[in-house]
């Protein structure tokens, strides 16, 4: 098993932190939002395929921009299969 590309790792951590920051304004509160976001990212922690990781990053960026999941919480959208 090869090590994760450092650039992809940095991007995943950055988007996670950005979503955490946005979660402060989540209607049900940060204490509700944070564990669910963590679970959504943890579910994909075992990914090693760079294309799959890139798709996950793109999906997280899409969610962050607010274009999708207008009804569902962010963490549910991130946990969807690729």
PDB file of N, CA and C in Angstrom:
ATOM      1  N   UNK A   1       0.848  -1.164   0.000  1.00  0.00           N
ATOM      2  CA  UNK A   1       0.000   0.000   0.000  1.00  0.00           C
ATOM      3  C   UNK A   1       0.901   1.237   0.000  1.00  0.00           C
ATOM      4  N   UNK A   2       0.698   2.122  -0.950  1.00  0.00           N
ATOM      5  CA  UNK A   2       1.533   3.308  -1.050  1.00  0.00           C
ATOM      6  C   UNK A   2       0.975   4.435  -0.185  1.00  0.00           C
ATOM      7  N   UNK A   3       1.849   5.370   0.128  1.00  0.00           N
ATOM      8  CA  UNK A   3       1.440   6.513   0.935  1.00  0.00           C
ATOM      9  C   UNK A   3       0.556   7.435   0.102  1.00  0.00           C
ATOM     10  N   UNK A   4      -0.327   8.124   0.763  1.00  0.00           N
ATOM     11  CA  UNK A   4      -1.231   9.048   0.109  1.00  0.00           C
ATOM     12  C   UNK A   4      -0.445  10.235  -0.442  1.00  0.00           C
ATOM     13  N   UNK A   5      -0.824  10.680  -1.620  1.00  0.00           N
ATOM     14  CA  UNK A   5      -0.226  11.849  -2.240  1.00  0.00           C
ATOM     15  C   UNK A   5      -0.347  13.027  -1.256  1.00  0.00           C
ATOM     16  N   UNK A   6       0.766  13.681  -0.905  1.00  0.00           N
ATOM     17  CA  UNK A   6       0.725  14.772   0.082  1.00  0.00           C
ATOM     18  C   UNK A   6      -0.200  15.919  -0.328  1.00  0.00           C
ATOM     19  N   UNK A   7      -0.283  16.186  -1.613  1.00  0.00           N
ATOM     20  CA  UNK A   7      -1.159  17.263  -2.087  1.00  0.00           C
ATOM     21  C   UNK A   7      -2.632  16.906  -1.851  1.00  0.00           C
ATOM     22  N   UNK A   8      -3.008  15.667  -2.144  1.00  0.00           N
ATOM     23  CA  UNK A   8      -4.391  15.236  -1.904  1.00  0.00           C
ATOM     24  C   UNK A   8      -4.708  15.257  -0.412  1.00  0.00           C
ATOM     25  N   UNK A   9      -3.767  14.806   0.385  1.00  0.00           N
ATOM     26  CA  UNK A   9      -3.955  14.805   1.842  1.00  0.00           C
ATOM     27  C   UNK A   9      -4.196  16.222   2.344  1.00  0.00           C
ATOM     28  N   UNK A  10      -3.410  17.164   1.871  1.00  0.00           N
ATOM     29  CA  UNK A  10      -3.564  18.563   2.275  1.00  0.00           C
ATOM     30  C   UNK A  10      -4.937  19.089   1.866  1.00  0.00           C
ATOM     31  N   UNK A  11      -5.370  18.746   0.654  1.00  0.00           N
ATOM     32  CA  UNK A  11      -6.673  19.219   0.171  1.00  0.00           C
ATOM     33  C   UNK A  11      -7.825  18.633   0.984  1.00  0.00           C
ATOM     34  N   UNK A  12      -7.726  17.358   1.348  1.00  0.00           N
ATOM     35  CA  UNK A  12      -8.776  16.726   2.161  1.00  0.00           C
ATOM     36  C   UNK A  12      -8.854  17.403   3.528  1.00  0.00           C
ATOM     37  N   UNK A  13      -7.720  17.634   4.145  1.00  0.00           N
ATOM     38  CA  UNK A  13      -7.698  18.277   5.460  1.00  0.00           C
ATOM     39  C   UNK A  13      -8.252  19.695   5.370  1.00  0.00           C
ATOM     40  N   UNK A  14      -7.896  20.412   4.307  1.00  0.00           N
ATOM     41  CA  UNK A  14      -8.369  21.782   4.130  1.00  0.00           C
ATOM     42  C   UNK A  14      -9.885  21.828   3.980  1.00  0.00           C
ATOM     43  N   UNK A  15     -10.445  20.967   3.132  1.00  0.00           N
ATOM     44  CA  UNK A  15     -11.902  20.992   2.927  1.00  0.00           C
ATOM     45  C   UNK A  15     -12.620  20.567   4.203  1.00  0.00           C
ATOM     46  N   UNK A  16     -12.039  19.639   4.948  1.00  0.00           N
ATOM     47  CA  UNK A  16     -12.631  19.226   6.229  1.00  0.00           C
ATOM     48  C   UNK A  16     -12.693  20.420   7.182  1.00  0.00           C
ATOM     49  N   UNK A  17     -11.602  21.165   7.277  1.00  0.00           N
ATOM     50  CA  UNK A  17     -11.565  22.328   8.166  1.00  0.00           C
ATOM     51  C   UNK A  17     -12.545  23.407   7.714  1.00  0.00           C
ATOM     52  N   UNK A  18     -12.660  23.598   6.396  1.00  0.00           N
ATOM     53  CA  UNK A  18     -13.600  24.594   5.878  1.00  0.00           C
ATOM     54  C   UNK A  18     -15.040  24.206   6.203  1.00  0.00           C
ATOM     55  N   UNK A  19     -15.367  22.928   6.047  1.00  0.00           N
ATOM     56  CA  UNK A  19     -16.719  22.474   6.376  1.00  0.00           C
ATOM     57  C   UNK A  19     -16.982  22.576   7.878  1.00  0.00           C
ATOM     58  N   UNK A  20     -15.972  22.297   8.696  1.00  0.00           N
ATOM     59  CA  UNK A  20     -16.124  22.470  10.145  1.00  0.00           C
ATOM     60  C   UNK A  20     -16.445  23.925  10.483  1.00  0.00           C
ATOM     61  N   UNK A  21     -15.752  24.837   9.830  1.00  0.00           N
ATOM     62  CA  UNK A  21     -15.989  26.259  10.061  1.00  0.00           C
ATOM     63  C   UNK A  21     -17.419  26.628   9.677  1.00  0.00           C
ATOM     64  N   UNK A  22     -17.868  26.143   8.516  1.00  0.00           N
ATOM     65  CA  UNK A  22     -19.233  26.426   8.077  1.00  0.00           C
ATOM     66  C   UNK A  22     -20.262  25.782   9.007  1.00  0.00           C
ATOM     67  N   UNK A  23     -19.896  24.693   9.644  1.00  0.00           N
ATOM     68  CA  UNK A  23     -20.796  23.993  10.549  1.00  0.00           C
ATOM     69  C   UNK A  23     -21.162  24.788  11.790  1.00  0.00           C
ATOM     70  N   UNK A  24     -20.409  25.819  12.088  1.00  0.00           N
ATOM     71  CA  UNK A  24     -20.738  26.655  13.247  1.00  0.00           C
ATOM     72  C   UNK A  24     -22.101  27.317  13.081  1.00  0.00           C
ATOM     73  N   UNK A  25     -22.517  27.507  11.829  1.00  0.00           N
ATOM     74  CA  UNK A  25     -23.799  28.152  11.550  1.00  0.00           C
ATOM     75  C   UNK A  25     -24.898  27.138  11.246  1.00  0.00           C
ATOM     76  N   UNK A  26     -24.639  25.869  11.448  1.00  0.00           N
ATOM     77  CA  UNK A  26     -25.623  24.829  11.159  1.00  0.00           C
ATOM     78  C   UNK A  26     -26.814  24.980  12.102  1.00  0.00           C
ATOM     79  N   UNK A  27     -28.045  24.902  11.580  1.00  0.00           N
ATOM     80  CA  UNK A  27     -29.235  25.156  12.411  1.00  0.00           C
ATOM     81  C   UNK A  27     -29.342  24.296  13.678  1.00  0.00           C
ATOM     82  N   UNK A  28     -28.904  23.054  13.631  1.00  0.00           N
ATOM     83  CA  UNK A  28     -29.009  22.188  14.809  1.00  0.00           C
ATOM     84  C   UNK A  28     -27.808  22.315  15.737  1.00  0.00           C
ATOM     85  N   UNK A  29     -26.867  23.167  15.380  1.00  0.00           N
ATOM     86  CA  UNK A  29     -25.730  23.425  16.247  1.00  0.00           C
ATOM     87  C   UNK A  29     -24.474  22.652  15.867  1.00  0.00           C
ATOM     88  N   UNK A  30     -23.361  23.202  16.282  1.00  0.00           N
ATOM     89  CA  UNK A  30     -22.053  22.623  15.984  1.00  0.00           C
ATOM     90  C   UNK A  30     -21.875  21.263  16.648  1.00  0.00           C
ATOM     91  N   UNK A  31     -22.413  21.107  17.854  1.00  0.00           N
ATOM     92  CA  UNK A  31     -22.280  19.829  18.564  1.00  0.00           C
ATOM     93  C   UNK A  31     -23.017  18.701  17.852  1.00  0.00           C
ATOM     94  N   UNK A  32     -24.008  19.034  17.067  1.00  0.00           N
ATOM     95  CA  UNK A  32     -24.722  18.049  16.253  1.00  0.00           C
ATOM     96  C   UNK A  32     -23.963  17.797  14.945  1.00  0.00           C
ATOM     97  N   UNK A  33     -23.441  18.869  14.367  1.00  0.00           N
ATOM     98  CA  UNK A  33     -22.823  18.822  13.043  1.00  0.00           C
ATOM     99  C   UNK A  33     -21.472  18.113  13.037  1.00  0.00           C
ATOM    100  N   UNK A  34     -20.596  18.466  13.975  1.00  0.00           N
ATOM    101  CA  UNK A  34     -19.217  17.987  13.943  1.00  0.00           C
ATOM    102  C   UNK A  34     -19.072  16.471  13.970  1.00  0.00           C
ATOM    103  N   UNK A  35     -19.746  15.746  14.862  1.00  0.00           N
ATOM    104  CA  UNK A  35     -19.569  14.284  14.860  1.00  0.00           C
ATOM    105  C   UNK A  35     -20.042  13.632  13.564  1.00  0.00           C
ATOM    106  N   UNK A  36     -21.070  14.184  12.972  1.00  0.00           N
ATOM    107  CA  UNK A  36     -21.586  13.610  11.732  1.00  0.00           C
ATOM    108  C   UNK A  36     -20.649  13.885  10.559  1.00  0.00           C
ATOM    109  N   UNK A  37     -20.080  15.076  10.528  1.00  0.00           N
ATOM    110  CA  UNK A  37     -19.094  15.377   9.492  1.00  0.00           C
ATOM    111  C   UNK A  37     -17.885  14.467   9.656  1.00  0.00           C
ATOM    112  N   UNK A  38     -17.451  14.289  10.882  1.00  0.00           N
ATOM    113  CA  UNK A  38     -16.308  13.419  11.164  1.00  0.00           C
ATOM    114  C   UNK A  38     -16.589  11.991  10.693  1.00  0.00           C
ATOM    115  N   UNK A  39     -17.785  11.492  10.979  1.00  0.00           N
ATOM    116  CA  UNK A  39     -18.159  10.142  10.540  1.00  0.00           C
ATOM    117  C   UNK A  39     -18.166  10.027   9.020  1.00  0.00           C
ATOM    118  N   UNK A  40     -18.657  11.068   8.346  1.00  0.00           N
ATOM    119  CA  UNK A  40     -18.708  11.040   6.881  1.00  0.00           C
ATOM    120  C   UNK A  40     -17.301  10.966   6.293  1.00  0.00           C
ATOM    121  N   UNK A  41     -16.368  11.726   6.848  1.00  0.00           N
ATOM    122  CA  UNK A  41     -14.995  11.681   6.355  1.00  0.00           C
ATOM    123  C   UNK A  41     -14.314  10.374   6.760  1.00  0.00           C
ATOM    124  N   UNK A  42     -14.588   9.907   7.959  1.00  0.00           N
ATOM    125  CA  UNK A  42     -13.983   8.653   8.424  1.00  0.00           C
ATOM    126  C   UNK A  42     -14.416   7.467   7.577  1.00  0.00           C
ATOM    127  N   UNK A  43     -15.630   7.526   7.058  1.00  0.00           N
ATOM    128  CA  UNK A  43     -16.137   6.432   6.225  1.00  0.00           C
ATOM    129  C   UNK A  43     -15.296   6.258   4.965  1.00  0.00           C
ATOM    130  N   UNK A  44     -14.654   7.330   4.523  1.00  0.00           N
ATOM    131  CA  UNK A  44     -13.831   7.280   3.322  1.00  0.00           C
ATOM    132  C   UNK A  44     -12.337   7.330   3.636  1.00  0.00           C
ATOM    133  N   UNK A  45     -11.970   7.166   4.884  1.00  0.00           N
ATOM    134  CA  UNK A  45     -10.568   7.271   5.291  1.00  0.00           C
ATOM    135  C   UNK A  45      -9.688   6.189   4.674  1.00  0.00           C
ATOM    136  N   UNK A  46     -10.257   5.073   4.308  1.00  0.00           N
ATOM    137  CA  UNK A  46      -9.476   3.975   3.752  1.00  0.00           C
ATOM    138  C   UNK A  46      -9.211   4.082   2.263  1.00  0.00           C
ATOM    139  N   UNK A  47      -9.719   5.116   1.628  1.00  0.00           N
ATOM    140  CA  UNK A  47      -9.508   5.262   0.184  1.00  0.00           C
ATOM    141  C   UNK A  47      -8.032   5.483  -0.124  1.00  0.00           C
ATOM    142  N   UNK A  48      -7.534   4.796  -1.128  1.00  0.00           N
ATOM    143  CA  UNK A  48      -6.150   4.978  -1.568  1.00  0.00           C
ATOM    144  C   UNK A  48      -6.080   5.321  -3.056  1.00  0.00           C
ATOM    145  N   UNK A  49      -7.178   5.113  -3.766  1.00  0.00           N
ATOM    146  CA  UNK A  49      -7.234   5.426  -5.190  1.00  0.00           C
ATOM    147  C   UNK A  49      -7.347   6.945  -5.355  1.00  0.00           C
ATOM    148  N   UNK A  50      -6.388   7.541  -6.048  1.00  0.00           N
ATOM    149  CA  UNK A  50      -6.360   8.994  -6.173  1.00  0.00           C
ATOM    150  C   UNK A  50      -7.584   9.538  -6.893  1.00  0.00           C
ATOM    151  N   UNK A  51      -8.108   8.801  -7.863  1.00  0.00           N
ATOM    152  CA  UNK A  51      -9.305   9.263  -8.577  1.00  0.00           C
ATOM    153  C   UNK A  51     -10.509   9.296  -7.645  1.00  0.00           C
ATOM    154  N   UNK A  52     -10.657   8.291  -6.803  1.00  0.00           N
ATOM    155  CA  UNK A  52     -11.774   8.251  -5.857  1.00  0.00           C
ATOM    156  C   UNK A  52     -11.648   9.378  -4.832  1.00  0.00           C
ATOM    157  N   UNK A  53     -10.436   9.642  -4.387  1.00  0.00           N
ATOM    158  CA  UNK A  53     -10.211  10.728  -3.430  1.00  0.00           C
ATOM    159  C   UNK A  53     -10.537  12.060  -4.085  1.00  0.00           C
ATOM    160  N   UNK A  54     -10.123  12.229  -5.323  1.00  0.00           N
ATOM    161  CA  UNK A  54     -10.404  13.465  -6.063  1.00  0.00           C
ATOM    162  C   UNK A  54     -11.911  13.666  -6.225  1.00  0.00           C
ATOM    163  N   UNK A  55     -12.643  12.599  -6.504  1.00  0.00           N
ATOM    164  CA  UNK A  55     -14.107  12.699  -6.620  1.00  0.00           C
ATOM    165  C   UNK A  55     -14.717  13.129  -5.290  1.00  0.00           C
ATOM    166  N   UNK A  56     -14.205  12.593  -4.203  1.00  0.00           N
ATOM    167  CA  UNK A  56     -14.693  12.980  -2.883  1.00  0.00           C
ATOM    168  C   UNK A  56     -14.419  14.448  -2.580  1.00  0.00           C
ATOM    169  N   UNK A  57     -13.247  14.922  -2.965  1.00  0.00           N
ATOM    170  CA  UNK A  57     -12.900  16.329  -2.770  1.00  0.00           C
ATOM    171  C   UNK A  57     -13.827  17.210  -3.591  1.00  0.00           C
ATOM    172  N   UNK A  58     -14.068  16.819  -4.835  1.00  0.00           N
ATOM    173  CA  UNK A  58     -14.963  17.596  -5.698  1.00  0.00           C
ATOM    174  C   UNK A  58     -16.373  17.639  -5.124  1.00  0.00           C
ATOM    175  N   UNK A  59     -16.841  16.510  -4.597  1.00  0.00           N
ATOM    176  CA  UNK A  59     -18.175  16.462  -4.006  1.00  0.00           C
ATOM    177  C   UNK A  59     -18.240  17.365  -2.772  1.00  0.00           C
ATOM    178  N   UNK A  60     -17.195  17.356  -1.953  1.00  0.00           N
ATOM    179  CA  UNK A  60     -17.163  18.205  -0.763  1.00  0.00           C
ATOM    180  C   UNK A  60     -17.145  19.684  -1.149  1.00  0.00           C
ATOM    181  N   UNK A  61     -16.405  20.032  -2.190  1.00  0.00           N
ATOM    182  CA  UNK A  61     -16.386  21.415  -2.680  1.00  0.00           C
ATOM    183  C   UNK A  61     -17.771  21.826  -3.161  1.00  0.00           C
ATOM    184  N   UNK A  62     -18.434  20.919  -3.863  1.00  0.00           N
ATOM    185  CA  UNK A  62     -19.770  21.179  -4.376  1.00  0.00           C
ATOM    186  C   UNK A  62     -20.740  21.428  -3.221  1.00  0.00           C
ATOM    187  N   UNK A  63     -20.658  20.622  -2.196  1.00  0.00           N
ATOM    188  CA  UNK A  63     -21.517  20.770  -1.018  1.00  0.00           C
ATOM    189  C   UNK A  63     -21.190  22.076  -0.305  1.00  0.00           C
ATOM    190  N   UNK A  64     -19.920  22.387  -0.210  1.00  0.00           N
ATOM    191  CA  UNK A  64     -19.484  23.603   0.483  1.00  0.00           C
ATOM    192  C   UNK A  64     -20.054  24.849  -0.187  1.00  0.00           C
ATOM    193  N   UNK A  65     -20.140  24.825  -1.496  1.00  0.00           N
ATOM    194  CA  UNK A  65     -20.661  25.980  -2.222  1.00  0.00           C
ATOM    195  C   UNK A  65     -22.174  26.109  -2.085  1.00  0.00           C
ATOM    196  N   UNK A  66     -22.819  25.099  -1.512  1.00  0.00           N
ATOM    197  CA  UNK A  66     -24.244  25.182  -1.260  1.00  0.00           C
ATOM    198  C   UNK A  66     -25.113  24.902  -2.464  1.00  0.00           C
ATOM    199  N   UNK A  67     -24.547  24.282  -3.485  1.00  0.00           N
ATOM    200  CA  UNK A  67     -25.322  24.012  -4.691  1.00  0.00           C
ATOM    201  C   UNK A  67     -26.159  22.751  -4.570  1.00  0.00           C
ATOM    202  N   UNK A  68     -25.824  21.895  -3.636  1.00  0.00           N
ATOM    203  CA  UNK A  68     -26.580  20.656  -3.499  1.00  0.00           C
ATOM    204  C   UNK A  68     -27.004  20.488  -2.057  1.00  0.00           C
ATOM    205  N   UNK A  69     -27.806  19.491  -1.830  1.00  0.00           N
ATOM    206  CA  UNK A  69     -28.199  19.111  -0.472  1.00  0.00           C
ATOM    207  C   UNK A  69     -28.922  20.237   0.246  1.00  0.00           C
ATOM    208  N   UNK A  70     -29.792  20.923  -0.459  1.00  0.00           N
ATOM    209  CA  UNK A  70     -30.502  22.021   0.175  1.00  0.00           C
ATOM    210  C   UNK A  70     -31.410  21.530   1.297  1.00  0.00           C
ATOM    211  N   UNK A  71     -31.830  20.279   1.225  1.00  0.00           N
ATOM    212  CA  UNK A  71     -32.698  19.732   2.261  1.00  0.00           C
ATOM    213  C   UNK A  71     -31.906  18.854   3.217  1.00  0.00           C
ATOM    214  N   UNK A  72     -31.045  18.007   2.660  1.00  0.00           N
ATOM    215  CA  UNK A  72     -30.278  17.082   3.491  1.00  0.00           C
ATOM    216  C   UNK A  72     -29.084  17.779   4.122  1.00  0.00           C
ATOM    217  N   UNK A  73     -28.703  17.372   5.318  1.00  0.00           N
ATOM    218  CA  UNK A  73     -27.497  17.926   5.932  1.00  0.00           C
ATOM    219  C   UNK A  73     -26.250  17.575   5.121  1.00  0.00           C
ATOM    220  N   UNK A  74     -25.228  18.385   5.261  1.00  0.00           N
ATOM    221  CA  UNK A  74     -23.981  18.211   4.519  1.00  0.00           C
ATOM    222  C   UNK A  74     -23.385  16.830   4.724  1.00  0.00           C
ATOM    223  N   UNK A  75     -23.364  16.330   5.946  1.00  0.00           N
ATOM    224  CA  UNK A  75     -22.695  15.063   6.222  1.00  0.00           C
ATOM    225  C   UNK A  75     -23.373  13.899   5.522  1.00  0.00           C
ATOM    226  N   UNK A  76     -24.675  13.987   5.270  1.00  0.00           N
ATOM    227  CA  UNK A  76     -25.347  12.916   4.537  1.00  0.00           C
ATOM    228  C   UNK A  76     -24.903  12.903   3.082  1.00  0.00           C
ATOM    229  N   UNK A  77     -24.693  14.074   2.516  1.00  0.00           N
ATOM    230  CA  UNK A  77     -24.253  14.152   1.123  1.00  0.00           C
ATOM    231  C   UNK A  77     -22.830  13.633   0.971  1.00  0.00           C
ATOM    232  N   UNK A  78     -21.983  13.900   1.939  1.00  0.00           N
ATOM    233  CA  UNK A  78     -20.598  13.458   1.862  1.00  0.00           C
ATOM    234  C   UNK A  78     -20.484  11.955   2.033  1.00  0.00           C
ATOM    235  N   UNK A  79     -21.431  11.354   2.724  1.00  0.00           N
ATOM    236  CA  UNK A  79     -21.370   9.920   2.976  1.00  0.00           C
ATOM    237  C   UNK A  79     -21.926   9.101   1.818  1.00  0.00           C
ATOM    238  N   UNK A  80     -22.522   9.769   0.832  1.00  0.00           N
ATOM    239  CA  UNK A  80     -23.066   9.039  -0.308  1.00  0.00           C
ATOM    240  C   UNK A  80     -21.947   8.342  -1.061  1.00  0.00           C
ATOM    241  N   UNK A  81     -22.200   7.174  -1.613  1.00  0.00           N
ATOM    242  CA  UNK A  81     -21.155   6.472  -2.365  1.00  0.00           C
ATOM    243  C   UNK A  81     -20.792   7.234  -3.627  1.00  0.00           C
ATOM    244  N   UNK A  82     -19.579   7.017  -4.080  1.00  0.00           N
ATOM    245  CA  UNK A  82     -19.113   7.684  -5.294  1.00  0.00           C
ATOM    246  C   UNK A  82     -19.902   7.140  -6.422  1.00  0.00           C
TER     247      UNK A  82
END
